[in-house]
Structure formats: structure tokens, C-alpha cells
Amino acid sequence: MIRILEISWLIIALITAIIAVYQFFIEGWESAIWMLGITLIAIVMYNIRHRQRIRFEKQDRDAAKYH
């Protein structure tokens, strides 16, 4: 489940970054700044989920050693 959320945040970050670049060239900074904010939030969420997944996988490996 966490892997799906991680990939979802990455996709959201990529899509909003593309939209932000498009809006920057077509409409200027005023319009693009909102998409850049959403991109930043999505990148932060991706990093949180990625670190969480790595930590959970390590805990699972460590728990398997003792069983």
C-alpha cells in the first residue's frame, strides 16, 4: 500500500511540474507559482512515503531474522 502511495505522489509531482512549466511559458509566474507549490508538497510527501517504506522493509527483514 505504501509503495502505491509513493508512486502516486511521484506521478502527481511530475504532472504538476509539467503543468507549472507550461503555465510559466504561457501565462507567467502568477499562474505557475500555485502549481510549483503543489509540486513542492508532492515531492515532500513522496520523500516521506519513500523513507517510511524503506524503514518498514528494514523492520520486516529484521523481524524475519528472529522467527
N, C-alpha and C. Protein backbone atom coordinates (compact mmCIF):
# COMPACT_ATOMS: atom_id res chain seq x y z
N MET A 1 0.82 -1.20 0.00
CA MET A 1 0.00 0.00 0.00
C MET A 1 0.86 1.26 0.00
N ILE A 2 1.92 1.24 0.81
CA ILE A 2 2.78 2.42 0.88
C ILE A 2 3.49 2.63 -0.45
N ARG A 3 3.84 1.55 -1.14
CA ARG A 3 4.51 1.67 -2.44
C ARG A 3 3.58 2.36 -3.44
N ILE A 4 2.30 2.04 -3.41
CA ILE A 4 1.34 2.68 -4.31
C ILE A 4 1.23 4.17 -4.02
N LEU A 5 1.18 4.53 -2.74
CA LEU A 5 1.12 5.94 -2.37
C LEU A 5 2.39 6.68 -2.78
N GLU A 6 3.52 6.01 -2.62
CA GLU A 6 4.80 6.61 -3.01
C GLU A 6 4.81 6.92 -4.51
N ILE A 7 4.40 5.97 -5.30
CA ILE A 7 4.37 6.16 -6.76
C ILE A 7 3.34 7.22 -7.13
N SER A 8 2.21 7.24 -6.44
CA SER A 8 1.18 8.24 -6.72
C SER A 8 1.69 9.65 -6.49
N TRP A 9 2.40 9.88 -5.38
CA TRP A 9 2.95 11.21 -5.10
C TRP A 9 4.00 11.60 -6.13
N LEU A 10 4.77 10.62 -6.58
CA LEU A 10 5.77 10.91 -7.61
C LEU A 10 5.11 11.32 -8.92
N ILE A 11 4.05 10.63 -9.30
CA ILE A 11 3.32 10.97 -10.52
C ILE A 11 2.67 12.34 -10.41
N ILE A 12 2.08 12.63 -9.26
CA ILE A 12 1.48 13.95 -9.04
C ILE A 12 2.54 15.04 -9.15
N ALA A 13 3.71 14.80 -8.57
CA ALA A 13 4.79 15.78 -8.64
C ALA A 13 5.23 16.02 -10.08
N LEU A 14 5.35 14.96 -10.85
CA LEU A 14 5.77 15.12 -12.25
C LEU A 14 4.72 15.86 -13.08
N ILE A 15 3.48 15.49 -12.91
CA ILE A 15 2.40 16.13 -13.69
C ILE A 15 2.28 17.61 -13.34
N THR A 16 2.31 17.93 -12.05
CA THR A 16 2.18 19.33 -11.67
C THR A 16 3.40 20.15 -12.08
N ALA A 17 4.58 19.52 -12.10
CA ALA A 17 5.78 20.22 -12.57
C ALA A 17 5.66 20.55 -14.06
N ILE A 18 5.14 19.62 -14.83
CA ILE A 18 4.93 19.86 -16.27
C ILE A 18 3.91 20.97 -16.48
N ILE A 19 2.84 20.92 -15.72
CA ILE A 19 1.81 21.97 -15.83
C ILE A 19 2.39 23.32 -15.44
N ALA A 20 3.22 23.35 -14.40
CA ALA A 20 3.83 24.61 -13.95
C ALA A 20 4.73 25.20 -15.03
N VAL A 21 5.52 24.37 -15.68
CA VAL A 21 6.38 24.85 -16.76
C VAL A 21 5.54 25.40 -17.91
N TYR A 22 4.50 24.67 -18.26
CA TYR A 22 3.61 25.11 -19.33
C TYR A 22 2.98 26.46 -18.98
N GLN A 23 2.45 26.56 -17.76
CA GLN A 23 1.81 27.81 -17.34
C GLN A 23 2.82 28.96 -17.28
N PHE A 24 4.04 28.67 -16.90
CA PHE A 24 5.06 29.72 -16.85
C PHE A 24 5.28 30.32 -18.23
N PHE A 25 5.39 29.48 -19.24
CA PHE A 25 5.64 29.99 -20.59
C PHE A 25 4.41 30.62 -21.22
N ILE A 26 3.23 30.16 -20.88
CA ILE A 26 2.01 30.68 -21.48
C ILE A 26 1.47 31.89 -20.71
N GLU A 27 1.39 31.78 -19.38
CA GLU A 27 0.71 32.80 -18.58
C GLU A 27 1.62 33.59 -17.65
N GLY A 28 2.80 33.10 -17.37
CA GLY A 28 3.73 33.81 -16.50
C GLY A 28 3.78 33.22 -15.10
N TRP A 29 4.57 33.87 -14.22
CA TRP A 29 4.80 33.38 -12.87
C TRP A 29 3.55 33.38 -12.00
N GLU A 30 2.69 34.34 -12.22
CA GLU A 30 1.50 34.44 -11.37
C GLU A 30 0.69 33.14 -11.37
N SER A 31 0.56 32.55 -12.51
CA SER A 31 -0.22 31.32 -12.63
C SER A 31 0.61 30.09 -12.26
N ALA A 32 1.88 30.10 -12.58
CA ALA A 32 2.72 28.92 -12.37
C ALA A 32 3.09 28.71 -10.91
N ILE A 33 3.08 29.76 -10.11
CA ILE A 33 3.53 29.65 -8.72
C ILE A 33 2.67 28.67 -7.91
N TRP A 34 1.38 28.61 -8.20
CA TRP A 34 0.49 27.67 -7.48
C TRP A 34 0.83 26.22 -7.80
N MET A 35 1.09 25.95 -9.07
CA MET A 35 1.46 24.58 -9.44
C MET A 35 2.83 24.21 -8.88
N LEU A 36 3.72 25.17 -8.79
CA LEU A 36 5.02 24.89 -8.18
C LEU A 36 4.87 24.57 -6.70
N GLY A 37 3.94 25.23 -6.04
CA GLY A 37 3.65 24.93 -4.64
C GLY A 37 3.12 23.52 -4.46
N ILE A 38 2.21 23.13 -5.33
CA ILE A 38 1.67 21.77 -5.27
C ILE A 38 2.76 20.75 -5.59
N THR A 39 3.63 21.09 -6.54
CA THR A 39 4.75 20.21 -6.86
C THR A 39 5.65 20.02 -5.65
N LEU A 40 5.93 21.09 -4.95
CA LEU A 40 6.77 21.01 -3.75
C LEU A 40 6.14 20.13 -2.68
N ILE A 41 4.85 20.31 -2.46
CA ILE A 41 4.14 19.48 -1.48
C ILE A 41 4.18 18.01 -1.88
N ALA A 42 3.98 17.73 -3.17
CA ALA A 42 4.00 16.34 -3.65
C ALA A 42 5.39 15.72 -3.49
N ILE A 43 6.43 16.51 -3.71
CA ILE A 43 7.79 15.99 -3.54
C ILE A 43 8.07 15.68 -2.08
N VAL A 44 7.63 16.55 -1.19
CA VAL A 44 7.80 16.30 0.24
C VAL A 44 7.06 15.03 0.65
N MET A 45 5.83 14.87 0.19
CA MET A 45 5.06 13.68 0.52
C MET A 45 5.70 12.41 -0.05
N TYR A 46 6.24 12.51 -1.26
CA TYR A 46 6.94 11.37 -1.86
C TYR A 46 8.14 10.97 -0.98
N ASN A 47 8.91 11.95 -0.54
CA ASN A 47 10.07 11.66 0.30
C ASN A 47 9.67 11.02 1.62
N ILE A 48 8.60 11.51 2.22
CA ILE A 48 8.11 10.92 3.48
C ILE A 48 7.72 9.47 3.26
N ARG A 49 6.94 9.20 2.22
CA ARG A 49 6.49 7.83 1.96
C ARG A 49 7.66 6.92 1.59
N HIS A 50 8.62 7.44 0.86
CA HIS A 50 9.79 6.64 0.47
C HIS A 50 10.58 6.22 1.70
N ARG A 51 10.84 7.17 2.59
CA ARG A 51 11.57 6.85 3.82
C ARG A 51 10.78 5.89 4.69
N GLN A 52 9.46 6.06 4.73
CA GLN A 52 8.61 5.16 5.51
C GLN A 52 8.69 3.74 4.97
N ARG A 53 8.63 3.59 3.66
CA ARG A 53 8.69 2.27 3.05
C ARG A 53 10.02 1.59 3.33
N ILE A 54 11.10 2.34 3.21
CA ILE A 54 12.42 1.78 3.48
C ILE A 54 12.51 1.32 4.94
N ARG A 55 12.00 2.14 5.86
CA ARG A 55 12.02 1.79 7.28
C ARG A 55 11.18 0.54 7.55
N PHE A 56 9.98 0.45 6.96
CA PHE A 56 9.13 -0.72 7.16
C PHE A 56 9.76 -1.98 6.60
N GLU A 57 10.38 -1.87 5.43
CA GLU A 57 11.04 -3.04 4.84
C GLU A 57 12.20 -3.51 5.71
N LYS A 58 12.93 -2.58 6.28
CA LYS A 58 14.04 -2.94 7.17
C LYS A 58 13.51 -3.62 8.42
N GLN A 59 12.41 -3.11 8.99
CA GLN A 59 11.82 -3.73 10.17
C GLN A 59 11.35 -5.13 9.86
N ASP A 60 10.75 -5.33 8.67
CA ASP A 60 10.30 -6.67 8.28
C ASP A 60 11.47 -7.64 8.15
N ARG A 61 12.58 -7.16 7.56
CA ARG A 61 13.76 -8.02 7.42
C ARG A 61 14.35 -8.36 8.79
N ASP A 62 14.40 -7.37 9.67
CA ASP A 62 14.92 -7.61 11.00
C ASP A 62 14.04 -8.56 11.80
N ALA A 63 12.72 -8.42 11.67
CA ALA A 63 11.78 -9.30 12.37
C ALA A 63 11.86 -10.72 11.85
N ALA A 64 12.13 -10.89 10.57
CA ALA A 64 12.22 -12.23 9.99
C ALA A 64 13.44 -12.98 10.50
N LYS A 65 14.48 -12.27 10.91
CA LYS A 65 15.68 -12.91 11.43
C LYS A 65 15.41 -13.63 12.74
N TYR A 66 14.47 -13.13 13.54
CA TYR A 66 14.23 -13.66 14.86
C TYR A 66 13.14 -14.71 14.91
N HIS A 67 12.52 -15.03 13.79
CA HIS A 67 11.45 -16.02 13.79
C HIS A 67 11.93 -17.34 13.29
